[in-house]
Protein backbone atom coordinates (compact mmCIF):
# COMPACT_ATOMS: atom_id res chain seq x y z
CA UNK A 1 10.46 -24.39 11.29
CA UNK A 2 7.07 -23.71 9.70
CA UNK A 3 7.00 -20.23 11.20
CA UNK A 4 10.14 -19.16 9.32
CA UNK A 5 8.34 -18.56 5.97
CA UNK A 6 5.62 -16.68 7.85
CA UNK A 7 8.27 -14.53 9.52
CA UNK A 8 9.86 -13.78 6.12
CA UNK A 9 6.47 -12.83 4.67
CA UNK A 10 5.76 -10.51 7.59
CA UNK A 11 9.18 -8.86 7.26
CA UNK A 12 8.64 -8.36 3.52
CA UNK A 13 5.23 -6.78 4.16
CA UNK A 14 6.78 -4.35 6.65
CA UNK A 15 9.56 -3.44 4.20
CA UNK A 16 7.13 -2.88 1.34
CA UNK A 17 4.78 -0.84 3.52
CA UNK A 18 7.66 1.48 4.43
CA UNK A 19 8.13 2.55 0.80
CA UNK A 20 5.10 4.87 0.79
CA UNK A 21 4.29 7.92 2.88
CA UNK A 22 0.95 9.71 2.48
CA UNK A 23 -1.12 12.35 4.25
CA UNK A 24 -4.71 13.09 3.24
CA UNK A 25 -7.56 15.33 4.27
CA UNK A 26 -10.86 13.46 4.48
CA UNK A 27 -13.72 14.49 2.23
CA UNK A 28 -16.93 13.97 4.16
CA UNK A 29 -19.35 14.74 1.32
CA UNK A 30 -19.17 12.34 -1.63
CA UNK A 31 -18.18 14.02 -4.90
CA UNK A 32 -20.47 13.54 -7.89
CA UNK A 33 -18.90 11.44 -10.66
CA UNK A 34 -21.66 12.59 -13.02
CA UNK A 35 -20.67 16.25 -12.60
CA UNK A 36 -18.23 17.86 -15.00
CA UNK A 37 -14.63 17.66 -13.76
CA UNK A 38 -11.56 19.50 -15.04
CA UNK A 39 -7.98 18.34 -14.89
CA UNK A 40 -5.94 21.47 -14.17
CA UNK A 41 -2.15 21.84 -14.43
CA UNK A 42 0.07 19.76 -12.20
CA UNK A 43 3.13 21.89 -11.58
CA UNK A 44 6.55 20.38 -12.11
CA UNK A 45 8.92 21.18 -9.21
CA UNK A 46 11.53 18.68 -10.40
CA UNK A 47 14.46 18.70 -12.79
CA UNK A 48 12.69 16.09 -14.93
CA UNK A 49 11.17 17.63 -18.07
CA UNK A 50 7.40 17.22 -18.36
CA UNK A 51 6.97 15.36 -15.06
CA UNK A 52 3.80 17.38 -14.47
CA UNK A 53 2.35 16.26 -17.80
CA UNK A 54 3.19 12.65 -17.03
CA UNK A 55 1.47 12.91 -13.66
CA UNK A 56 -1.57 14.51 -15.31
CA UNK A 57 -1.93 11.56 -17.68
CA UNK A 58 -1.90 9.13 -14.75
CA UNK A 59 -4.37 11.20 -12.69
CA UNK A 60 -6.66 11.36 -15.73
CA UNK A 61 -6.65 7.58 -16.09
CA UNK A 62 -7.14 6.87 -12.39
CA UNK A 63 -10.07 9.31 -12.11
CA UNK A 64 -11.77 7.79 -15.15
CA UNK A 65 -11.21 4.30 -13.73
CA UNK A 66 -12.86 5.48 -10.49
CA UNK A 67 -15.99 6.51 -12.41
CA UNK A 68 -15.53 10.18 -13.30
CA UNK A 69 -17.46 10.41 -16.58
CA UNK A 70 -16.79 13.93 -17.83
CA UNK A 71 -13.20 15.04 -17.33
CA UNK A 72 -11.99 17.98 -19.42
CA UNK A 73 -8.30 18.79 -19.73
CA UNK A 74 -7.14 22.40 -19.69
CA UNK A 75 -5.96 23.92 -22.98
CA UNK A 76 -2.34 23.25 -23.95
CA UNK A 77 -1.69 27.01 -24.07
CA UNK A 78 -2.04 27.01 -20.27
CA UNK A 79 0.63 24.35 -19.82
CA UNK A 80 3.31 25.84 -17.57
CA UNK A 81 5.98 23.61 -19.12
CA UNK A 82 5.23 24.93 -22.60
CA UNK A 83 5.60 28.62 -21.73
CA UNK A 84 8.89 30.50 -21.51
CA UNK A 85 8.12 32.56 -18.41
CA UNK A 86 5.28 30.81 -16.67
CA UNK A 87 4.04 31.97 -13.33
CA UNK A 88 2.52 28.92 -11.61
CA UNK A 89 -0.07 30.91 -9.70
CA UNK A 90 -1.14 32.78 -12.82
CA UNK A 91 -1.40 29.53 -14.78
CA UNK A 92 -3.50 27.96 -12.00
CA UNK A 93 -5.82 30.99 -11.87
CA UNK A 94 -6.22 30.99 -15.65
CA UNK A 95 -6.89 27.23 -15.64
CA UNK A 96 -9.54 27.56 -12.92
CA UNK A 97 -11.16 30.41 -14.85
CA UNK A 98 -11.18 28.24 -17.97
CA UNK A 99 -12.71 25.31 -16.01
CA UNK A 100 -15.49 27.52 -14.63
CA UNK A 101 -16.24 28.79 -18.14
CA UNK A 102 -16.56 25.15 -19.23
CA UNK A 103 -19.13 24.58 -16.46
CA UNK A 104 -16.92 22.22 -14.45
CA UNK A 105 -17.90 21.55 -10.85
CA UNK A 106 -14.60 20.09 -9.63
CA UNK A 107 -11.00 20.83 -10.55
CA UNK A 108 -8.02 18.60 -9.85
CA UNK A 109 -4.58 20.18 -9.62
CA UNK A 110 -1.32 19.57 -7.85
CA UNK A 111 2.45 19.44 -7.99
CA UNK A 112 5.20 16.92 -8.66
CA UNK A 113 8.06 17.25 -6.19
CA UNK A 114 10.03 14.17 -7.17
CA UNK A 115 10.06 12.12 -10.37
CA UNK A 116 13.30 10.25 -10.92
CA UNK A 117 15.37 7.15 -10.59
CA UNK A 118 17.61 7.41 -7.54
CA UNK A 119 21.33 7.51 -8.14
CA UNK A 120 23.14 4.35 -7.17
CA UNK A 121 23.63 0.73 -8.04
CA UNK A 122 19.95 -0.18 -7.97
CA UNK A 123 18.45 3.06 -9.35
CA UNK A 124 15.09 2.76 -7.58
CA UNK A 125 12.22 4.89 -8.96
CA UNK A 126 10.95 7.63 -6.63
CA UNK A 127 7.87 9.85 -6.97
CA UNK A 128 6.51 12.67 -4.80
CA UNK A 129 3.11 14.24 -5.53
CA UNK A 130 0.56 16.62 -4.07
CA UNK A 131 -3.01 16.45 -5.40
CA UNK A 132 -5.98 18.67 -4.59
CA UNK A 133 -9.63 18.66 -5.60
CA UNK A 134 -11.35 22.04 -5.54
CA UNK A 135 -15.08 22.78 -5.75
CA UNK A 136 -14.99 25.38 -8.50
CA UNK A 137 -18.32 26.90 -7.43
CA UNK A 138 -17.16 27.77 -3.91
CA UNK A 139 -13.37 27.71 -4.55
CA UNK A 140 -13.09 25.40 -1.53
CA UNK A 141 -10.52 22.61 -1.54
CA UNK A 142 -12.63 19.53 -0.77
CA UNK A 143 -9.80 16.99 -0.79
CA UNK A 144 -6.04 17.22 -0.47
CA UNK A 145 -3.34 14.59 -0.39
CA UNK A 146 0.44 14.47 -0.50
CA UNK A 147 2.67 11.47 -0.74
CA UNK A 148 5.94 9.92 -1.75
CA UNK A 149 6.65 6.43 -2.96
CA UNK A 150 9.72 4.55 -4.07
CA UNK A 151 9.95 1.23 -5.82
CA UNK A 152 12.46 -1.50 -6.39
CA UNK A 153 15.23 -1.37 -8.97
CA UNK A 154 13.21 -3.28 -11.56
CA UNK A 155 10.03 -1.20 -11.14
CA UNK A 156 9.02 1.34 -13.76
CA UNK A 157 8.79 4.95 -12.65
CA UNK A 158 5.35 5.24 -14.23
CA UNK A 159 4.15 2.18 -12.31
CA UNK A 160 5.33 3.63 -9.01
CA UNK A 161 3.62 6.92 -9.91
CA UNK A 162 0.38 5.14 -10.77
CA UNK A 163 0.48 3.29 -7.45
CA UNK A 164 1.01 6.55 -5.60
CA UNK A 165 -1.85 8.30 -7.43
CA UNK A 166 -4.12 5.37 -6.54
CA UNK A 167 -3.01 5.61 -2.90
CA UNK A 168 -3.63 9.35 -2.84
CA UNK A 169 -7.02 9.37 -4.59
CA UNK A 170 -8.25 6.04 -3.21
CA UNK A 171 -9.98 7.53 -0.15
CA UNK A 172 -11.87 10.16 -2.18
CA UNK A 173 -15.55 9.46 -1.61
CA UNK A 174 -17.42 9.43 -4.92
CA UNK A 175 -21.09 8.92 -5.70
């Protein structure tokens, strides 16, 4: 009878673990938190207005919490959601050029593929993100991660997104 609560706890852990899917490339060389970093546009591939901007705010906070000291944000004029006919590739190129001009060593960019509450009785929050860190000196992507996460009906979408960003950036080696 004592093993029944343990069995329930194990089943709950399995269910909760199944709510997140991630794939990451390892970064073998630690990235310098003292270097200048730039937060580049996160493209919005969803029907949710400004999902990219919301993801950027969370990435900004998580990187600063992980010890990144100098993190510049790209100018608002380069925001793809603020332009009438934005070309994502052009915006990314312009943002990288801007970051290099600012003397940034690393740039963080990505895409939001899902940012919504699922339709149904429970309305669970669901987020899908891709994040990349590029060495702006060599133009080499030094870290890449993609993932999706859903929460329970009472979870906030922003909380699920923050958890996913932590999961995605957690393995980034920093010094």
